[in-house]
Structures are given as structure tokens and as C-alpha cells.
Amino acid sequence: MLGDIVLLRRLGWRAEPPRSGSGLRRQVQASGADTTAIGRISSTSPENLGRVGGAVLLRPRQGWESPQRAEARPGYGRGSVGAPSGAPQAHGGVPLVIPIPVSVRGACPHDCPDTCAWQVTVEDGRATKLAGDPEHPYSRGTLCAKVNRFLDRVYADERVLHPLRRVGPKGSGEFERVSWATALEEIAAGLTERIERHGSQTVLPFSYMGTQGLLQGSGAGDRFFGRIGATQLVRAVCASTGSTGVSQAIGTNVGIMPEEIRHSRFIILWGTNTIVTNVHLWPFIREAQSAGARVVVIDPAATRTARSADWHVQPLPGTDTALAMGLMHVIVRDGLQDDDYLEQHANGFEDFAARLEEFTPERVAATCGVPADEIERLAHAYATSSASCIRLLVGMEHRESGAETFRTIAYLPVVTGAWRNRGEGCSS
């Protein structure tokens, strides 16, 4: 049980490995007296030791501590909170109660591509520490800057923990607390009245994933609103636009596994500030760099990721579609496309190649602000590398024709056949 050794050492007790067949018992030594600590006990036992309120009782085999010895330990004197009322008290002493932290494994509920695993330390029913799970193969013991302070928000005074009814005009911030029963009754009455007057489709449940996770975000709420016949919401504030574009190009929005990028040898980070917003992917990119991979960032802004890359290409905002078309123009013009892959896995390439003829490097340079010779060099480097990978993120979809941009970029690995080898492909 997490914390046994740490807490016992704090009190000057020494933990030893459990004896064979001892189950949950932990043998400890205290002032020369052999003592047994019971770890996980489902119920309090007056005859034995008990677990109450996240505490463990230690019972010396020669009897309980005397009051004098117990009071000599700060915070564990007479009247220790959490001792079972029926626990034996030899020599007029009191049981020694030691809080034992418990480690709970879980996952971050944020709607984020990293989907981190974490470990929460709980003491007396309160989370006291949050850290990444070192055994998780992707997050590997680290969390992002936002989630590192998750517990601060959980226990913040400003957190809303009870239903509040607005009593002033909108925007006034005037609310009064009501019971859950009152809140549910008023909401149900309001929904019923509006459905009877205007029809069930006038009810629109507006929400997104946020920090709800799959169970709360896509669980009972969907079934409830489906049952009453409410208007269905796509619930796609983010990511669905780009995913739709990629799916239109390759039939799915599933790309390579993030860990596979370590096997790439030419990585394009297109519209993503990976170090800041996809932090757990960056170590795998650095691993690829150490193995000889070249990292290119395509981004109008000089981000932290761009400054850490081998090559930074800066198109004007909103011109990424034209840049992708220009790259494929050069690839096809110079015969760098993978004809065998296109014949086996693509449809309509002839018509697409004819469309590419319009997007010369000079024309694209005038649109994007990227020099024509740089477009030529980037196209050749991407098409001739042994394992090329493109990583997209949601920024580019937050503008007009965002899906079209993602769809066009997703054509690049199809044209070059960069789905054949490990570490190749496109991920969004």
C-alpha cells in the first residue's frame, strides 16, 4: 500500500518485506517490539486492527502503546482521531493511528490528443498530489502545464458545487443557492412546458467534451435528449472539421500511432506548436531527430516548436492549401510520385494531376509568401526521404475552408506512397 514505508520512517519505524502467506500484513519494528500493520481492511474489527478514515492502526504484539509513549509522538497522542471505538487499550493506552496515503490511477478527462494517464495521492479522502503515470508508454510520468495545477481548480473556492438560480438580470452575477431537488424540478418543468408549447426539437442541448470524458460527455445525456426528441448537436467545436477533410482524402481520420513517429526520418509539423499543445509527442520527435530525422515546421508564427526545428517554412495565414498544391505540383512535374502506390490505392489521380499543373512554384510563392526555390526544395526533400511523416493539428481548421486544407495536405503521402513504411503517413 503506497505510503507504508514513508510514513513509518517518518515516525522512526522500519518496514520489512511481508512474510510468506501474510496477505496484506506488513511486518514492522518499533522500539524493539514486533508490531503488525494491517493494510487494506474492509471493515473495522474491535478484536483486531482497523482502517478508519484512511488510517491504519498498528498493534504491538506485546500490547498497545502506553499513553506516555503515544503522546511522545507529535500528532498521535491521546484521543487520536479515527481509532475504532472497540479497539483494545492495554495498560490504559490508546491505539496508534497513522494516515496512509492511497494511490489511485486514472486518466486525464480533458479533450486532448495526448490522453494522459495519471496517479492521484489521496489522504483522508482528499487528493493531495497529482502526477503523470510513469508506466504509461506515451505520457511517461509527465503532465502538461494546465493539468499540473488540476487539484488547485478541484479545491478552488470559486468552484460551483451546488445548483444556483439566477435572481438578477443576465450578466449581473446575482444567484441564489437552491437544493438539487428544486433545481431538477424547475428544469423538468421548464422542459415539459416548452416541449408541449413548441415541440421537442426546440430543445437544444449545447455542450462539448471539455473535462467530461467519454462516460459523462457521451453517456446518459445523449440518451436522455434522444428520448425526449431534442435537436441533436454535432458537438464539434473542435477537430471534426479537420478530421472530415482527412477522411475525404484517405477514407479515415486514423493516422499513425504517435509513438511511431520515432521511426520517421522526415517530419513535417504543419500548423502545430507541438512543444506547447502536444507536449508528450515532442520526446518521440526528439528521439527521431537523434536518429537522423529532419524536422520541418510549417507555421506563419515563429513558435517554440519552430525555433526548435531544423527548418521553418512561414506561409501567409490561410494559404496552406495552395502550398500543399504547389508541393505536389513539383513532385509530379519531376516524376517523384509513387505510380505503383497510386495505381493500387488511389482513384482519379489523372484528373488531380491535371489540376496540379496550375500551381507552379512561382504562382504559389505569390500567394503564400514562400519563395519558389524553397517550395522546390521542400517538395524534393519530402518526396525523396525514406520515411516521411506529416503531423497536423487543429489550428488550420479554424478558418474558412479548413476541411479543404486538411484534405489537400492529406493527399501528399498518397502521391508519394508515404504509407508503405513504418513511421510514414499523416496524423491529425
Protein backbone atom coordinates (compact mmCIF):
# COMPACT_ATOMS: atom_id res chain seq x y z
CA MET A 1 0.00 0.00 0.00
CA LEU A 2 1.52 3.30 -1.07
CA GLY A 3 2.98 5.29 1.76
CA ASP A 4 3.64 2.45 4.25
CA ILE A 5 7.41 2.85 4.29
CA VAL A 6 7.38 6.65 4.02
CA LEU A 7 5.04 7.17 6.94
CA LEU A 8 6.67 4.57 9.12
CA ARG A 9 10.08 6.09 8.54
CA ARG A 10 8.70 9.48 9.47
CA LEU A 11 7.79 8.02 12.85
CA GLY A 12 11.03 6.12 13.22
CA TRP A 13 9.50 2.75 12.32
CA ARG A 14 11.16 0.36 9.86
CA ALA A 15 9.20 -1.64 7.28
CA GLU A 16 10.20 -5.15 6.30
CA PRO A 17 9.04 -7.37 3.41
CA PRO A 18 5.80 -9.25 4.16
CA ARG A 19 6.16 -12.78 5.35
CA SER A 20 5.08 -15.58 3.10
CA GLY A 21 1.32 -16.04 3.19
CA SER A 22 0.83 -12.92 5.27
CA GLY A 23 -1.53 -11.41 2.71
CA LEU A 24 -1.93 -7.72 3.39
CA ARG A 25 0.09 -7.68 6.60
CA ARG A 26 3.30 -5.68 6.82
CA GLN A 27 5.84 -6.53 9.50
CA VAL A 28 7.44 -3.51 11.19
CA GLN A 29 9.79 -2.95 14.09
CA ALA A 30 9.16 -0.31 16.73
CA SER A 31 11.43 0.20 19.72
CA GLY A 32 12.33 -3.45 19.61
CA ALA A 33 8.71 -4.59 19.76
CA ASP A 34 7.44 -6.73 16.90
CA THR A 35 4.35 -4.99 15.51
CA THR A 36 1.89 -5.84 12.75
CA ALA A 37 0.34 -3.22 10.44
CA ILE A 38 -2.81 -4.14 8.59
CA GLY A 39 -3.02 -2.52 5.16
CA ARG A 40 -6.37 -2.84 3.40
CA ILE A 41 -9.19 -3.92 5.71
CA SER A 42 -12.77 -3.72 4.51
CA SER A 43 -14.32 -3.23 7.94
CA THR A 44 -13.30 -2.22 11.43
CA SER A 45 -12.63 -5.13 13.77
CA PRO A 46 -12.64 -4.39 17.52
CA GLU A 47 -10.67 -7.57 18.16
CA ASN A 48 -8.02 -6.77 15.62
CA LEU A 49 -6.78 -3.68 13.86
CA GLY A 50 -8.92 -1.43 11.74
CA ARG A 51 -8.83 1.00 8.87
CA VAL A 52 -10.87 4.13 9.58
CA GLY A 53 -10.90 7.35 7.59
CA GLY A 54 -7.81 6.47 5.59
CA ALA A 55 -5.79 5.46 8.68
CA VAL A 56 -4.08 2.26 9.72
CA LEU A 57 -3.75 1.05 13.30
CA LEU A 58 -0.51 -0.53 14.40
CA ARG A 59 -0.85 -3.18 17.13
CA PRO A 60 2.29 -4.20 19.05
CA ARG A 61 2.25 -7.90 19.79
CA GLN A 62 3.15 -7.06 23.38
CA GLY A 63 0.12 -4.80 23.75
CA TRP A 64 -0.83 -1.27 22.73
CA GLU A 65 1.44 1.69 23.35
CA SER A 66 1.24 3.32 26.70
CA PRO A 67 -0.21 6.84 26.83
CA GLN A 68 3.23 8.24 27.56
CA ARG A 69 4.84 6.64 24.52
CA ALA A 70 1.94 7.52 22.25
CA GLU A 71 1.90 11.15 23.35
CA ALA A 72 5.63 11.37 22.74
CA ARG A 73 4.93 11.13 19.04
CA PRO A 74 3.64 14.52 17.73
CA GLY A 75 0.11 14.32 16.45
CA TYR A 76 -0.51 10.77 17.64
CA GLY A 77 -1.30 11.21 21.29
CA ARG A 78 -4.36 10.54 23.40
CA GLY A 79 -7.65 10.78 21.56
CA SER A 80 -6.20 10.09 18.12
CA VAL A 81 -8.92 10.63 15.52
CA GLY A 82 -10.01 7.53 13.63
CA ALA A 83 -9.34 4.77 16.18
CA PRO A 84 -12.10 2.13 16.34
CA SER A 85 -14.22 2.64 19.40
CA GLY A 86 -13.87 -1.02 20.35
CA ALA A 87 -10.10 -1.30 19.88
CA PRO A 88 -8.31 -2.86 22.85
CA GLN A 89 -6.30 -0.47 25.01
CA ALA A 90 -3.70 -2.27 27.06
CA HIS A 91 -2.13 -0.51 30.05
CA GLY A 92 -4.64 2.33 29.69
CA GLY A 93 -3.05 3.38 26.40
CA VAL A 94 -4.55 4.39 23.10
CA PRO A 95 -4.15 2.87 19.64
CA LEU A 96 -1.61 4.49 17.35
CA VAL A 97 -3.33 5.79 14.21
CA ILE A 98 -1.23 6.52 11.13
CA PRO A 99 -2.80 8.04 7.98
CA ILE A 100 -1.77 6.03 4.93
CA PRO A 101 -1.87 7.78 1.52
CA VAL A 102 -3.54 5.77 -1.22
CA SER A 103 -2.50 5.98 -4.87
CA VAL A 104 -5.37 5.98 -7.36
CA ARG A 105 -4.65 5.51 -11.05
CA GLY A 106 -6.73 7.38 -13.58
CA ALA A 107 -6.76 9.31 -16.84
CA CYS A 108 -6.97 12.99 -17.70
CA PRO A 109 -10.54 13.85 -18.81
CA HIS A 110 -9.53 16.80 -21.00
CA ASP A 111 -10.46 16.65 -24.67
CA CYS A 112 -6.82 16.47 -25.79
CA PRO A 113 -4.87 14.27 -28.22
CA ASP A 114 -2.41 13.22 -25.51
CA THR A 115 -4.98 11.37 -23.31
CA CYS A 116 -2.56 11.11 -20.38
CA ALA A 117 -2.59 8.62 -17.54
CA TRP A 118 -2.03 9.93 -14.04
CA GLN A 119 -1.69 8.90 -10.41
CA VAL A 120 -3.54 10.70 -7.61
CA THR A 121 -2.41 10.50 -3.99
CA VAL A 122 -5.40 10.53 -1.61
CA GLU A 123 -5.09 11.17 2.13
CA ASP A 124 -8.14 11.12 4.40
CA GLY A 125 -10.44 11.30 1.40
CA ARG A 126 -8.72 14.33 -0.16
CA ALA A 127 -6.46 14.37 -3.22
CA THR A 128 -3.12 15.82 -2.18
CA LYS A 129 -0.88 15.13 -5.16
CA LEU A 130 -1.29 14.61 -8.89
CA ALA A 131 1.43 13.26 -11.18
CA GLY A 132 1.78 11.58 -14.53
CA ASP A 133 1.88 7.80 -14.54
CA PRO A 134 5.49 6.77 -15.20
CA GLU A 135 4.32 3.40 -16.54
CA HIS A 136 2.19 4.95 -19.28
CA PRO A 137 4.02 4.44 -22.60
CA TYR A 138 3.06 7.84 -24.03
CA SER A 139 2.86 10.40 -21.21
CA ARG A 140 5.68 8.63 -19.34
CA GLY A 141 5.24 10.36 -16.00
CA THR A 142 4.68 13.94 -17.16
CA LEU A 143 1.61 16.15 -17.41
CA CYS A 144 1.06 19.44 -19.22
CA ALA A 145 1.21 22.88 -17.61
CA LYS A 146 -2.59 23.07 -17.45
CA VAL A 147 -3.15 19.73 -15.74
CA ASN A 148 -0.24 20.08 -13.33
CA ARG A 149 -2.49 22.51 -11.40
CA PHE A 150 -5.65 20.44 -11.75
CA LEU A 151 -6.04 19.99 -7.99
CA ASP A 152 -5.91 23.75 -7.48
CA ARG A 153 -9.11 24.02 -9.52
CA VAL A 154 -10.72 20.98 -7.93
CA TYR A 155 -10.46 22.55 -4.47
CA ALA A 156 -10.78 26.20 -5.51
CA ASP A 157 -13.23 28.33 -3.52
CA GLU A 158 -14.74 29.58 -6.78
CA ARG A 159 -15.78 26.11 -7.92
CA VAL A 160 -19.55 25.69 -8.25
CA LEU A 161 -20.61 22.69 -6.17
CA HIS A 162 -24.34 23.38 -5.76
CA PRO A 163 -27.22 24.41 -8.03
CA LEU A 164 -27.58 28.19 -8.36
CA ARG A 165 -30.67 30.00 -9.59
CA ARG A 166 -30.25 33.38 -11.29
CA VAL A 167 -32.21 36.05 -9.40
CA GLY A 168 -30.99 39.17 -11.20
CA PRO A 169 -30.76 40.24 -14.83
CA LYS A 170 -28.43 38.38 -17.16
CA GLY A 171 -24.85 39.43 -16.63
CA SER A 172 -25.44 40.74 -13.13
CA GLY A 173 -23.90 37.70 -11.46
CA GLU A 174 -26.77 37.53 -8.97
CA PHE A 175 -27.59 33.95 -7.97
CA GLU A 176 -29.10 32.14 -5.05
CA ARG A 177 -28.38 28.59 -3.94
CA VAL A 178 -31.18 26.04 -4.26
CA SER A 179 -31.39 22.34 -3.49
CA TRP A 180 -30.84 19.65 -6.08
CA ALA A 181 -34.47 18.64 -5.78
CA THR A 182 -35.62 22.19 -6.53
CA ALA A 183 -33.22 22.55 -9.45
CA LEU A 184 -34.31 19.28 -11.04
CA GLU A 185 -38.00 20.07 -10.56
CA GLU A 186 -37.67 23.51 -12.17
CA ILE A 187 -35.59 22.22 -15.11
CA ALA A 188 -38.01 19.37 -15.73
CA ALA A 189 -40.99 21.71 -15.55
CA GLY A 190 -39.35 24.16 -17.95
CA LEU A 191 -38.52 21.44 -20.48
CA THR A 192 -42.02 19.94 -20.26
CA GLU A 193 -43.72 23.31 -20.73
CA ARG A 194 -41.64 24.26 -23.77
CA ILE A 195 -41.98 20.85 -25.42
CA GLU A 196 -45.77 20.98 -25.02
CA ARG A 197 -45.95 24.51 -26.45
CA HIS A 198 -43.28 24.42 -29.18
CA GLY A 199 -42.28 20.80 -29.78
CA SER A 200 -39.34 18.73 -28.60
CA GLN A 201 -36.99 19.89 -31.37
CA THR A 202 -36.92 23.36 -29.85
CA VAL A 203 -34.77 21.88 -27.06
CA LEU A 204 -31.07 22.11 -27.96
CA PRO A 205 -28.52 20.57 -25.56
CA PHE A 206 -25.42 22.67 -26.21
CA SER A 207 -22.19 21.24 -24.85
CA TYR A 208 -18.81 19.85 -25.79
CA MET A 209 -16.35 17.40 -24.24
CA GLY A 210 -14.36 19.81 -22.06
CA THR A 211 -13.33 17.86 -18.98
CA GLN A 212 -16.22 15.43 -19.02
CA GLY A 213 -14.54 12.39 -20.56
CA LEU A 214 -16.33 9.71 -22.57
CA LEU A 215 -18.74 8.47 -19.89
CA GLN A 216 -20.14 11.85 -18.90
CA GLY A 217 -19.63 13.54 -22.25
CA SER A 218 -21.26 10.85 -24.38
CA GLY A 219 -23.31 8.87 -21.89
CA ALA A 220 -26.61 9.46 -20.16
CA GLY A 221 -27.09 12.95 -21.58
CA ASP A 222 -27.26 11.72 -25.17
CA ARG A 223 -29.76 9.01 -24.27
CA PHE A 224 -31.93 11.42 -22.31
CA PHE A 225 -32.12 14.06 -25.03
CA GLY A 226 -32.67 11.36 -27.64
CA ARG A 227 -35.57 10.02 -25.58
CA ILE A 228 -37.35 13.37 -25.42
CA GLY A 229 -36.71 14.02 -29.11
CA ALA A 230 -34.49 17.08 -28.71
CA THR A 231 -32.50 18.52 -31.58
CA GLN A 232 -29.25 16.62 -31.94
CA LEU A 233 -26.00 18.53 -31.76
CA VAL A 234 -22.93 17.58 -33.76
CA ARG A 235 -20.93 18.74 -30.73
CA ALA A 236 -17.91 19.54 -32.87
CA VAL A 237 -16.47 22.79 -31.63
CA CYS A 238 -13.01 21.46 -32.45
CA ALA A 239 -11.26 18.80 -34.56
CA SER A 240 -14.21 17.44 -36.54
CA THR A 241 -13.62 19.81 -39.46
CA GLY A 242 -10.05 18.70 -39.99
CA SER A 243 -10.91 15.05 -39.38
CA THR A 244 -13.63 15.23 -42.01
CA GLY A 245 -11.17 16.67 -44.52
CA VAL A 246 -8.63 13.92 -43.90
CA SER A 247 -11.36 11.28 -44.14
CA GLN A 248 -12.42 12.64 -47.52
CA ALA A 249 -8.87 12.17 -48.77
CA ILE A 250 -7.91 8.75 -47.38
CA GLY A 251 -11.20 7.25 -46.15
CA THR A 252 -10.41 7.55 -42.44
CA ASN A 253 -9.11 10.10 -39.97
CA VAL A 254 -6.96 7.49 -38.22
CA GLY A 255 -3.27 8.17 -38.75
CA ILE A 256 -0.13 6.59 -37.40
CA MET A 257 0.26 5.92 -33.70
CA PRO A 258 2.07 8.85 -32.07
CA GLU A 259 4.90 6.63 -30.79
CA GLU A 260 5.62 5.56 -34.37
CA ILE A 261 6.95 9.00 -35.25
CA ARG A 262 10.25 7.97 -33.66
CA HIS A 263 10.80 5.86 -36.80
CA SER A 264 10.26 8.81 -39.18
CA ARG A 265 13.19 10.42 -40.95
CA PHE A 266 11.48 13.50 -42.38
CA ILE A 267 8.83 15.05 -40.13
CA ILE A 268 6.60 17.95 -41.13
CA LEU A 269 4.78 19.60 -38.22
CA TRP A 270 2.15 21.53 -40.14
CA GLY A 271 0.16 24.10 -38.18
CA THR A 272 1.06 22.67 -34.77
CA ASN A 273 3.04 24.17 -31.90
CA THR A 274 3.85 20.68 -30.66
CA ILE A 275 6.05 21.62 -27.71
CA VAL A 276 3.21 23.61 -26.15
CA THR A 277 -0.01 21.92 -27.27
CA ASN A 278 1.03 18.30 -27.91
CA VAL A 279 3.79 18.13 -25.35
CA HIS A 280 4.04 14.35 -25.00
CA LEU A 281 4.69 13.86 -28.70
CA TRP A 282 7.79 16.02 -28.61
CA PRO A 283 10.10 13.47 -26.89
CA PHE A 284 9.39 10.99 -29.69
CA ILE A 285 10.21 13.67 -32.27
CA ARG A 286 13.46 14.42 -30.44
CA GLU A 287 14.20 10.71 -30.45
CA ALA A 288 13.74 10.68 -34.22
CA GLN A 289 15.98 13.74 -34.55
CA SER A 290 18.70 11.97 -32.60
CA ALA A 291 18.45 9.11 -35.07
CA GLY A 292 18.95 11.49 -38.00
CA ALA A 293 15.43 12.72 -38.77
CA ARG A 294 14.90 16.21 -40.15
CA VAL A 295 12.10 18.24 -38.58
CA VAL A 296 10.27 20.89 -40.60
CA VAL A 297 7.70 23.26 -39.11
CA ILE A 298 5.18 24.95 -41.43
CA ASP A 299 3.63 27.79 -39.48
CA PRO A 300 3.18 31.53 -40.05
CA ALA A 301 4.29 32.18 -36.45
CA ALA A 302 7.77 31.72 -35.01
CA THR A 303 6.64 29.35 -32.25
CA ARG A 304 8.77 27.49 -29.72
CA THR A 305 8.42 24.42 -31.91
CA ALA A 306 9.54 26.34 -35.00
CA ARG A 307 12.62 27.59 -33.16
CA SER A 308 13.49 24.00 -32.22
CA ALA A 309 13.04 22.63 -35.74
CA ASP A 310 15.68 22.10 -38.44
CA TRP A 311 13.69 24.11 -40.97
CA HIS A 312 10.91 26.66 -40.56
CA VAL A 313 8.66 27.45 -43.52
CA GLN A 314 6.42 30.51 -43.00
CA PRO A 315 3.44 30.75 -45.35
CA LEU A 316 0.97 33.58 -45.01
CA PRO A 317 -2.04 32.68 -42.82
CA GLY A 318 -4.75 30.81 -44.70
CA THR A 319 -2.58 29.83 -47.69
CA ASP A 320 -1.71 26.26 -46.64
CA THR A 321 -3.92 24.67 -49.30
CA ALA A 322 -2.08 26.49 -52.06
CA LEU A 323 1.26 25.50 -50.56
CA ALA A 324 0.29 21.82 -50.49
CA MET A 325 -0.84 22.00 -54.11
CA GLY A 326 2.45 23.67 -55.06
CA LEU A 327 4.46 20.92 -53.36
CA MET A 328 2.54 18.22 -55.23
CA HIS A 329 2.98 20.15 -58.50
CA VAL A 330 6.76 19.89 -58.12
CA ILE A 331 6.60 16.23 -57.07
CA VAL A 332 4.54 15.20 -60.10
CA ARG A 333 6.38 17.50 -62.52
CA ASP A 334 9.70 15.94 -61.56
CA GLY A 335 8.39 12.36 -61.55
CA LEU A 336 8.75 11.81 -57.80
CA GLN A 337 5.27 10.36 -57.31
CA ASP A 338 4.83 6.67 -56.45
CA ASP A 339 2.95 5.39 -59.51
CA ASP A 340 2.66 1.85 -58.18
CA TYR A 341 1.08 3.01 -54.92
CA LEU A 342 -1.26 5.38 -56.76
CA GLU A 343 -2.39 2.61 -59.10
CA GLN A 344 -3.13 0.24 -56.24
CA HIS A 345 -4.61 2.60 -53.68
CA ALA A 346 -5.87 5.83 -55.33
CA ASN A 347 -8.66 6.85 -57.64
CA GLY A 348 -8.80 9.82 -60.01
CA PHE A 349 -5.12 10.70 -59.93
CA GLU A 350 -5.01 11.67 -63.62
CA ASP A 351 -7.62 14.39 -63.15
CA PHE A 352 -5.91 15.56 -59.97
CA ALA A 353 -2.52 15.76 -61.70
CA ALA A 354 -4.04 17.92 -64.42
CA ARG A 355 -5.35 20.29 -61.75
CA LEU A 356 -1.88 20.47 -60.16
CA GLU A 357 -0.41 21.95 -63.34
CA GLU A 358 -1.86 25.35 -62.44
CA PHE A 359 0.00 25.54 -59.12
CA THR A 360 3.50 26.38 -60.26
CA PRO A 361 6.07 27.35 -57.61
CA GLU A 362 6.00 30.93 -58.88
CA ARG A 363 2.24 31.23 -58.62
CA VAL A 364 2.18 29.58 -55.20
CA ALA A 365 5.02 31.82 -53.99
CA ALA A 366 2.98 34.90 -54.88
CA THR A 367 0.04 33.51 -52.89
CA CYS A 368 1.86 32.08 -49.88
CA GLY A 369 4.81 34.37 -49.45
CA VAL A 370 7.16 31.36 -49.51
CA PRO A 371 9.98 31.70 -52.06
CA ALA A 372 9.64 29.47 -55.14
CA ASP A 373 13.04 27.85 -54.61
CA GLU A 374 12.06 26.93 -51.03
CA ILE A 375 8.89 25.26 -52.33
CA GLU A 376 11.05 23.27 -54.76
CA ARG A 377 13.49 22.20 -52.05
CA LEU A 378 10.76 21.21 -49.60
CA ALA A 379 8.94 19.13 -52.23
CA HIS A 380 12.09 17.24 -53.16
CA ALA A 381 13.14 16.67 -49.54
CA TYR A 382 9.72 15.30 -48.60
CA ALA A 383 9.32 13.05 -51.65
CA THR A 384 12.81 11.53 -51.54
CA SER A 385 13.12 10.84 -47.80
CA SER A 386 12.99 7.23 -46.64
CA ALA A 387 10.22 7.68 -44.04
CA SER A 388 8.20 10.91 -44.29
CA CYS A 389 5.50 11.87 -41.82
CA ILE A 390 3.12 14.83 -41.60
CA ARG A 391 1.62 15.84 -38.26
CA LEU A 392 -1.38 18.20 -38.38
CA LEU A 393 -3.24 19.85 -35.53
CA VAL A 394 -6.46 21.79 -35.25
CA GLY A 395 -5.27 25.35 -35.81
CA MET A 396 -5.72 25.38 -39.58
CA GLU A 397 -9.31 24.18 -39.42
CA HIS A 398 -10.37 27.30 -37.51
CA ARG A 399 -10.78 29.34 -40.65
CA GLU A 400 -12.68 29.31 -43.92
CA SER A 401 -12.19 26.11 -45.96
CA GLY A 402 -10.39 24.39 -43.08
CA ALA A 403 -11.58 20.92 -44.13
CA GLU A 404 -10.34 21.57 -47.68
CA THR A 405 -6.90 22.42 -46.29
CA PHE A 406 -6.68 19.20 -44.32
CA ARG A 407 -7.93 17.17 -47.27
CA THR A 408 -5.34 18.65 -49.62
CA ILE A 409 -2.42 18.10 -47.24
CA ALA A 410 -3.56 14.51 -46.67
CA TYR A 411 -3.08 13.87 -50.42
CA LEU A 412 0.69 14.36 -50.08
CA PRO A 413 1.56 10.93 -48.59
CA VAL A 414 -0.81 9.31 -51.10
CA VAL A 415 1.01 10.90 -54.05
CA THR A 416 4.43 9.90 -52.71
CA GLY A 417 3.36 6.49 -51.35
CA ALA A 418 4.45 7.54 -47.88
CA TRP A 419 2.20 5.00 -46.22
CA ARG A 420 4.36 1.99 -47.05
CA ASN A 421 6.95 2.04 -44.29
CA ARG A 422 6.99 2.34 -40.52
CA GLY A 423 6.99 5.96 -39.40
CA GLU A 424 5.29 7.17 -42.59
CA GLY A 425 1.86 8.65 -43.16
CA CYS A 426 -0.23 11.51 -41.87
CA SER A 427 -1.67 12.15 -38.43
CA SER A 428 -4.24 14.77 -37.45
